[in-house]
């Protein structure tokens, strides 16, 4: 496998999965999040040290759920905010933690570089079919009577979840463009590491008068990362997830790791159902979108395997 170097692939978008922030068994305390993010940034700093111009994106699933739960608990004292405000809040708070942990890691290596978090708006279509069929579970569980009340009072869509109660479900429309793409490109040109499109970004629509307006939705982080990578003309898109490889027959005794994958093979496996919608499917579709529109390479691996994967020794490497 050909190593990934900053001469051939100078500009990279690195998408951190939610497991880099909160892992199974974690309670989600600030100390835990700080430790997890510090661990992830120790690996990410290797790319910065090697000379890659980098944009970091990240998930926010556990955190936005916690924030929604906090608002529910305090709703008698403080008015709850819309979902798109929670998206923006977690972009800022997680961006701060990632920014600080990365600066500290680089400082320990004797590297002084600026890191900036951009609260990112992502344009979606007002008539996206996802708004008619919300299916992304968010927030806490509710008993049936409270779920009915919330549906009537707030107009929420709710869905029963495996006997554990009812949860709010939000639309997950496809991202069309990154509103702040020029800002992100300008910062990169100045040698600044950028954190952007956290949690998929803040979903916005363009109203008839041309104004932007936030909407009650969540955007898939991997899809938003691919759109961002395309729009800033990135060469490399990296998905850091829980597994070292993408696997065929995942979850079965005979699972097989994929080391190299071209677009034709990836589409074939998608059609065969090898990459389900709730797990690897969005990553593979996002990787294909990026490669189809001019991207040079995609790497999928776990944070602790990143250095070995960049050297070509592990991970799943995708090419056009």
Foldseek 3Di string as FASTA:
>chain_A
DAFAACVVFQEEEEEEEPCLQPNPPDPRDPVSRLVSLLLLLLLVLVNVVRRHLYEYAYACAVPLQVVQQVCVVCCVPDPDDFSLVSLLVSLVVVLVSNQVSNQVSCVVVVHHAAEEEDQWEFEFEPVFCLQVPFDAFGYDFDAPVVVVVCCVPPVFDWDQDPPPHITTGFGATQTDAIPCLVVSLVCSVVVYHYYYCYQNHFYWYQDPVRDIDTDRHGYHRLRSSLRSCLSSVGQEYEYADDAAFQWFPPPDPPIDGAAEEELVRLVVCVVVVRQPPVGCVSNSVSVNSNQVRRHAKYWYGHSVCSVVVSNSNTTYMYGD
